[in-house]
N, C-alpha and C. Protein backbone atom coordinates (compact mmCIF):
# COMPACT_ATOMS: atom_id res chain seq x y z
N MET A 1 -11.06 11.25 -12.46
CA MET A 1 -10.89 10.01 -11.79
C MET A 1 -11.13 10.03 -10.50
N ASP A 2 -11.86 9.17 -9.69
CA ASP A 2 -12.09 9.28 -8.23
C ASP A 2 -10.94 8.41 -7.65
N ILE A 3 -10.64 8.76 -6.39
CA ILE A 3 -9.80 8.17 -5.62
C ILE A 3 -10.13 7.45 -4.36
N VAL A 4 -10.19 6.25 -4.16
CA VAL A 4 -10.41 5.47 -3.02
C VAL A 4 -9.32 5.28 -2.31
N TYR A 5 -9.23 5.69 -0.96
CA TYR A 5 -8.00 5.59 -0.24
C TYR A 5 -8.09 4.78 1.05
N LEU A 6 -6.93 4.35 1.41
CA LEU A 6 -6.93 3.59 2.66
C LEU A 6 -5.48 4.08 3.28
N HIS A 7 -5.58 4.83 4.32
CA HIS A 7 -4.44 5.55 4.71
C HIS A 7 -4.00 4.89 6.18
N ASP A 8 -2.70 4.77 6.48
CA ASP A 8 -2.27 4.40 7.81
C ASP A 8 -2.43 2.89 8.20
N LEU A 9 -2.42 2.38 6.94
CA LEU A 9 -2.47 0.81 7.26
C LEU A 9 -1.29 0.09 7.72
N LYS A 10 -1.32 -0.22 9.16
CA LYS A 10 -0.24 -0.81 9.75
C LYS A 10 0.28 -2.02 9.73
N VAL A 11 1.40 -2.48 9.13
CA VAL A 11 1.57 -4.07 8.71
C VAL A 11 3.05 -4.46 9.50
N LYS A 12 3.12 -5.45 10.31
CA LYS A 12 4.30 -5.80 10.77
C LYS A 12 5.04 -6.79 9.62
N CYS A 13 6.26 -6.50 9.67
CA CYS A 13 7.19 -7.26 8.58
C CYS A 13 8.61 -7.12 8.73
N THR A 14 9.30 -8.03 8.07
CA THR A 14 10.72 -7.98 8.45
C THR A 14 11.05 -7.03 7.05
N ILE A 15 12.01 -5.91 7.38
CA ILE A 15 12.38 -5.12 6.43
C ILE A 15 13.57 -4.25 6.85
N GLY A 16 14.65 -4.24 5.99
CA GLY A 16 15.83 -3.60 6.42
C GLY A 16 16.94 -4.17 5.67
N VAL A 17 17.98 -3.37 5.75
CA VAL A 17 19.26 -3.87 5.16
C VAL A 17 20.18 -4.33 6.14
N TRP A 18 20.01 -3.92 7.34
CA TRP A 18 21.17 -4.23 8.52
C TRP A 18 20.51 -5.61 9.02
N GLU A 19 21.65 -6.50 9.49
CA GLU A 19 21.63 -7.74 9.98
C GLU A 19 20.60 -7.75 11.19
N TRP A 20 20.63 -6.63 12.18
CA TRP A 20 19.72 -6.66 13.25
C TRP A 20 18.29 -6.42 12.71
N GLU A 21 18.12 -5.70 11.74
CA GLU A 21 16.69 -5.60 11.18
C GLU A 21 16.15 -6.95 10.46
N ARG A 22 17.17 -8.01 10.28
CA ARG A 22 16.44 -9.12 9.93
C ARG A 22 16.12 -9.92 10.63
N ARG A 23 16.36 -9.66 11.92
CA ARG A 23 16.13 -10.56 13.06
C ARG A 23 14.78 -10.09 13.84
N ILE A 24 14.38 -8.95 13.37
CA ILE A 24 13.07 -8.50 14.09
C ILE A 24 12.04 -8.23 13.19
N GLU A 25 10.75 -7.99 13.61
CA GLU A 25 9.77 -7.44 12.89
C GLU A 25 9.48 -6.01 13.29
N GLN A 26 9.37 -5.34 12.20
CA GLN A 26 9.14 -3.78 12.20
C GLN A 26 7.79 -3.31 11.91
N THR A 27 7.15 -2.24 12.08
CA THR A 27 5.90 -1.63 11.69
C THR A 27 6.09 -0.90 10.50
N VAL A 28 5.47 -1.04 9.48
CA VAL A 28 5.35 -0.05 8.38
C VAL A 28 4.05 0.21 8.32
N ALA A 29 3.82 1.60 7.86
CA ALA A 29 2.43 2.22 7.66
C ALA A 29 2.28 2.56 6.08
N LEU A 30 1.01 1.95 5.54
CA LEU A 30 1.02 2.43 4.03
C LEU A 30 -0.37 3.36 4.02
N ASP A 31 0.08 4.19 3.14
CA ASP A 31 -1.06 5.10 2.63
C ASP A 31 -1.21 4.96 1.01
N LEU A 32 -2.38 4.33 0.69
CA LEU A 32 -2.91 3.95 -0.72
C LEU A 32 -4.02 4.93 -1.20
N ASP A 33 -3.58 5.39 -2.34
CA ASP A 33 -4.61 6.14 -3.04
C ASP A 33 -4.63 5.40 -4.39
N MET A 34 -6.00 5.13 -4.66
CA MET A 34 -6.17 4.16 -5.74
C MET A 34 -7.28 4.64 -6.66
N GLY A 35 -6.96 4.83 -7.82
CA GLY A 35 -7.76 5.65 -8.95
C GLY A 35 -8.85 4.31 -9.31
N PHE A 36 -10.08 4.95 -9.10
CA PHE A 36 -11.27 4.08 -9.27
C PHE A 36 -12.45 4.82 -9.49
N ASP A 37 -13.31 4.35 -10.49
CA ASP A 37 -14.42 5.20 -11.00
C ASP A 37 -15.50 4.80 -9.89
N THR A 38 -15.99 5.53 -9.08
CA THR A 38 -17.01 5.17 -7.96
C THR A 38 -18.32 5.38 -8.48
N GLY A 39 -18.60 6.08 -9.76
CA GLY A 39 -19.88 6.28 -10.20
C GLY A 39 -20.95 5.30 -10.12
N ARG A 40 -20.48 4.00 -10.61
CA ARG A 40 -21.44 2.78 -10.63
C ARG A 40 -21.86 2.57 -9.40
N ALA A 41 -20.87 2.38 -8.37
CA ALA A 41 -20.96 2.12 -6.92
C ALA A 41 -22.05 3.10 -6.19
N ALA A 42 -21.76 4.46 -6.59
CA ALA A 42 -22.65 5.41 -5.96
C ALA A 42 -24.00 5.28 -6.52
N ALA A 43 -24.18 4.99 -7.87
CA ALA A 43 -25.59 4.72 -8.33
C ALA A 43 -26.40 3.39 -7.82
N SER A 44 -25.64 2.44 -7.65
CA SER A 44 -26.32 1.19 -7.04
C SER A 44 -26.24 1.02 -5.53
N ASP A 45 -25.26 1.83 -4.93
CA ASP A 45 -25.16 1.59 -3.48
C ASP A 45 -24.80 0.11 -3.07
N SER A 46 -24.18 -0.51 -3.68
CA SER A 46 -23.77 -1.97 -3.77
C SER A 46 -22.19 -1.99 -3.81
N ILE A 47 -21.73 -2.71 -2.65
CA ILE A 47 -20.23 -2.93 -2.39
C ILE A 47 -19.87 -3.78 -3.68
N ALA A 48 -20.43 -4.51 -4.20
CA ALA A 48 -20.10 -5.34 -5.49
C ALA A 48 -19.52 -4.46 -6.71
N ASP A 49 -20.09 -3.25 -6.63
CA ASP A 49 -19.65 -2.24 -7.63
C ASP A 49 -18.46 -1.34 -7.39
N THR A 50 -17.88 -1.56 -6.10
CA THR A 50 -16.79 -0.70 -5.96
C THR A 50 -15.53 -1.34 -5.62
N LEU A 51 -14.73 -0.83 -5.14
CA LEU A 51 -13.21 -1.21 -4.74
C LEU A 51 -13.37 -1.62 -3.31
N ASP A 52 -13.37 -2.78 -2.91
CA ASP A 52 -13.56 -3.39 -1.49
C ASP A 52 -12.17 -3.13 -0.75
N TYR A 53 -12.00 -2.06 -0.10
CA TYR A 53 -10.80 -1.63 0.85
C TYR A 53 -10.46 -2.64 1.71
N LYS A 54 -11.49 -3.38 2.33
CA LYS A 54 -11.45 -4.42 3.24
C LYS A 54 -10.45 -5.36 2.74
N ALA A 55 -10.95 -5.92 1.38
CA ALA A 55 -10.07 -6.87 0.55
C ALA A 55 -8.70 -6.33 0.22
N VAL A 56 -8.55 -5.15 0.05
CA VAL A 56 -7.32 -4.70 -0.33
C VAL A 56 -6.55 -4.69 0.99
N ALA A 57 -7.00 -4.52 2.05
CA ALA A 57 -6.27 -4.36 3.21
C ALA A 57 -5.92 -5.85 3.57
N LYS A 58 -6.77 -6.69 3.54
CA LYS A 58 -6.51 -8.16 3.86
C LYS A 58 -5.53 -8.78 3.07
N ARG A 59 -5.52 -8.43 1.73
CA ARG A 59 -4.63 -8.93 0.82
C ARG A 59 -3.12 -8.67 1.17
N LEU A 60 -3.12 -7.14 1.53
CA LEU A 60 -1.82 -6.55 1.50
C LEU A 60 -1.16 -6.96 2.90
N VAL A 61 -1.98 -7.13 3.75
CA VAL A 61 -1.47 -7.45 5.24
C VAL A 61 -0.86 -8.97 5.19
N GLU A 62 -1.62 -9.85 4.34
CA GLU A 62 -1.17 -11.10 4.33
C GLU A 62 0.23 -11.19 3.70
N TYR A 63 0.27 -10.48 2.53
CA TYR A 63 1.40 -10.49 1.66
C TYR A 63 2.66 -9.90 2.21
N ILE A 64 2.38 -8.88 2.74
CA ILE A 64 3.54 -8.22 3.23
C ILE A 64 4.22 -8.92 4.80
N GLY A 65 3.29 -9.45 5.42
CA GLY A 65 3.59 -10.06 6.55
C GLY A 65 4.30 -11.47 6.20
N ALA A 66 4.01 -11.95 5.16
CA ALA A 66 4.67 -13.35 4.83
C ALA A 66 5.99 -13.25 3.85
N THR A 67 6.32 -11.86 3.61
CA THR A 67 7.47 -11.92 2.72
C THR A 67 8.59 -10.89 3.39
N GLN A 68 9.81 -10.89 2.95
CA GLN A 68 10.64 -10.17 3.42
C GLN A 68 11.36 -9.12 2.57
N PHE A 69 11.72 -8.02 3.10
CA PHE A 69 12.10 -6.82 2.12
C PHE A 69 13.58 -6.08 2.71
N GLN A 70 14.48 -5.76 1.76
CA GLN A 70 15.55 -4.92 2.43
C GLN A 70 15.15 -3.50 2.21
N LEU A 71 14.46 -3.13 1.00
CA LEU A 71 14.00 -1.92 0.82
C LEU A 71 12.44 -1.37 0.78
N VAL A 72 12.09 -0.25 1.35
CA VAL A 72 10.99 0.13 1.15
C VAL A 72 10.43 0.49 -0.16
N GLU A 73 11.41 0.75 -1.13
CA GLU A 73 11.09 0.91 -2.66
C GLU A 73 10.84 -0.50 -3.00
N THR A 74 11.22 -1.54 -2.83
CA THR A 74 10.91 -2.66 -3.23
C THR A 74 9.32 -3.16 -2.67
N LEU A 75 9.10 -2.82 -1.40
CA LEU A 75 7.89 -3.11 -0.86
C LEU A 75 7.10 -2.28 -1.45
N ALA A 76 7.04 -1.06 -1.80
CA ALA A 76 6.13 -0.03 -2.54
C ALA A 76 5.70 -0.52 -3.81
N GLU A 77 6.89 -1.10 -4.61
CA GLU A 77 6.70 -1.42 -5.89
C GLU A 77 5.85 -2.69 -6.14
N LYS A 78 6.03 -3.80 -5.16
CA LYS A 78 5.35 -5.09 -4.98
C LYS A 78 3.86 -4.72 -4.76
N VAL A 79 3.72 -3.79 -3.73
CA VAL A 79 2.22 -3.39 -3.29
C VAL A 79 1.50 -2.73 -4.57
N ALA A 80 2.25 -1.96 -5.19
CA ALA A 80 1.63 -1.33 -6.43
C ALA A 80 1.29 -2.33 -7.66
N GLY A 81 2.07 -3.40 -7.86
CA GLY A 81 1.98 -4.40 -8.72
C GLY A 81 0.64 -5.19 -8.27
N ILE A 82 0.49 -5.33 -6.93
CA ILE A 82 -0.86 -6.19 -6.60
C ILE A 82 -1.88 -5.41 -6.68
N LEU A 83 -1.85 -4.16 -6.56
CA LEU A 83 -3.13 -3.38 -6.59
C LEU A 83 -3.36 -3.21 -7.95
N LEU A 84 -2.47 -2.78 -8.93
CA LEU A 84 -2.89 -2.77 -10.43
C LEU A 84 -3.34 -4.01 -11.01
N GLU A 85 -2.75 -5.21 -10.67
CA GLU A 85 -2.93 -6.40 -11.44
C GLU A 85 -4.33 -6.89 -10.69
N GLU A 86 -4.20 -7.39 -9.29
CA GLU A 86 -5.33 -8.11 -8.80
C GLU A 86 -6.55 -7.30 -8.67
N PHE A 87 -6.52 -6.03 -8.35
CA PHE A 87 -7.80 -5.09 -8.25
C PHE A 87 -8.12 -4.26 -9.44
N ARG A 88 -7.43 -4.50 -10.49
CA ARG A 88 -7.55 -4.02 -11.83
C ARG A 88 -7.64 -2.51 -11.72
N LEU A 89 -6.69 -1.75 -11.08
CA LEU A 89 -6.81 -0.45 -10.97
C LEU A 89 -6.09 0.03 -12.22
N LYS A 90 -6.23 1.26 -12.63
CA LYS A 90 -5.49 2.00 -13.59
C LYS A 90 -4.33 2.85 -12.94
N TRP A 91 -4.40 3.22 -11.89
CA TRP A 91 -3.50 4.12 -11.33
C TRP A 91 -3.43 4.00 -9.69
N VAL A 92 -2.20 4.05 -9.17
CA VAL A 92 -2.06 4.18 -7.58
C VAL A 92 -1.12 4.90 -7.26
N ARG A 93 -1.14 5.36 -6.09
CA ARG A 93 0.01 6.08 -5.29
C ARG A 93 0.06 5.22 -3.96
N VAL A 94 1.40 4.90 -3.83
CA VAL A 94 1.69 3.90 -2.59
C VAL A 94 2.75 4.68 -1.73
N ARG A 95 2.24 5.05 -0.62
CA ARG A 95 3.45 5.76 0.25
C ARG A 95 3.62 4.66 1.43
N VAL A 96 5.05 4.39 1.75
CA VAL A 96 5.57 3.54 2.53
C VAL A 96 6.14 4.30 3.54
N ASN A 97 5.81 4.12 4.91
CA ASN A 97 6.35 4.78 6.13
C ASN A 97 6.94 3.82 7.05
N LYS A 98 8.30 3.88 7.11
CA LYS A 98 9.02 3.26 8.00
C LYS A 98 9.40 4.03 9.31
N ARG A 99 8.47 4.19 10.00
CA ARG A 99 8.44 5.22 11.14
C ARG A 99 9.77 4.79 12.12
N GLY A 100 10.39 5.80 12.58
CA GLY A 100 11.61 5.53 13.41
C GLY A 100 12.87 5.12 12.67
N ALA A 101 12.79 4.99 11.53
CA ALA A 101 13.96 4.42 10.80
C ALA A 101 15.31 5.39 11.03
N ILE A 102 15.15 6.77 11.16
CA ILE A 102 16.32 7.46 11.19
C ILE A 102 16.03 8.33 12.57
N HIS A 103 17.05 8.03 13.51
CA HIS A 103 16.78 8.89 14.66
C HIS A 103 16.51 10.38 14.53
N GLY A 104 15.70 10.95 15.09
CA GLY A 104 15.38 12.18 15.18
C GLY A 104 14.54 12.70 14.05
N ALA A 105 14.02 11.60 13.12
CA ALA A 105 12.86 12.00 12.12
C ALA A 105 11.76 10.84 12.62
N GLY A 106 10.47 11.53 12.34
CA GLY A 106 9.38 10.85 12.78
C GLY A 106 8.94 9.74 11.55
N ASN A 107 9.05 10.32 10.49
CA ASN A 107 8.74 9.59 9.27
C ASN A 107 9.76 9.48 8.19
N VAL A 108 9.95 8.17 7.79
CA VAL A 108 10.88 7.94 6.63
C VAL A 108 10.11 7.07 5.64
N GLY A 109 10.43 7.21 4.52
CA GLY A 109 9.78 6.24 3.37
C GLY A 109 10.00 6.80 1.96
N VAL A 110 9.07 6.24 1.29
CA VAL A 110 8.94 6.47 -0.23
C VAL A 110 7.63 6.49 -0.62
N VAL A 111 7.40 7.31 -1.76
CA VAL A 111 6.04 7.53 -2.29
C VAL A 111 6.31 7.40 -3.70
N ILE A 112 5.39 6.13 -4.37
CA ILE A 112 5.62 6.05 -5.85
C ILE A 112 4.06 6.15 -6.53
N GLU A 113 4.22 6.58 -7.66
CA GLU A 113 2.95 6.47 -8.52
C GLU A 113 2.98 5.29 -9.63
N ARG A 114 2.16 4.66 -9.90
CA ARG A 114 2.14 3.71 -10.96
C ARG A 114 0.91 3.85 -11.72
N GLY A 115 0.94 3.53 -13.05
CA GLY A 115 -0.13 3.42 -13.92
C GLY A 115 -0.52 4.78 -14.43
N LYS A 116 -1.73 5.12 -15.16
CA LYS A 116 -2.03 6.22 -15.74
C LYS A 116 -3.22 6.88 -15.10
N LYS A 117 -2.88 7.97 -14.68
CA LYS A 117 -3.95 8.78 -13.71
C LYS A 117 -4.73 9.67 -14.78
N MET A 118 -6.12 9.22 -14.77
CA MET A 118 -6.99 9.62 -15.81
C MET A 118 -7.67 10.90 -15.06
N GLU A 119 -7.83 11.83 -15.92
CA GLU A 119 -8.43 13.14 -15.37
C GLU A 119 -9.91 13.13 -15.54
């Protein structure tokens, strides 16, 4: 299986369990690894035959920005669902990074994989 990736997609959103977090916007960074057969696109050299990562980014930025989450786990699960259903992927790895969430740690978050990874 080929992987189309989109890493370090920064999105402003309301996320967190603490009251003060519910009153501000924070930036999360997403790393997306998306299982997709790129053979047809490589042969045709046409964007119509590939996974349009610009469309993926636009959809996720709009969704995440309009939604509120308490947990990064919930955000990751919702993102994976959108990718699998709307973009008809068989497998995804979603990494949500809530930078600065823990004093002294540069990166904090979760990584999930959903779907069936084909070899």
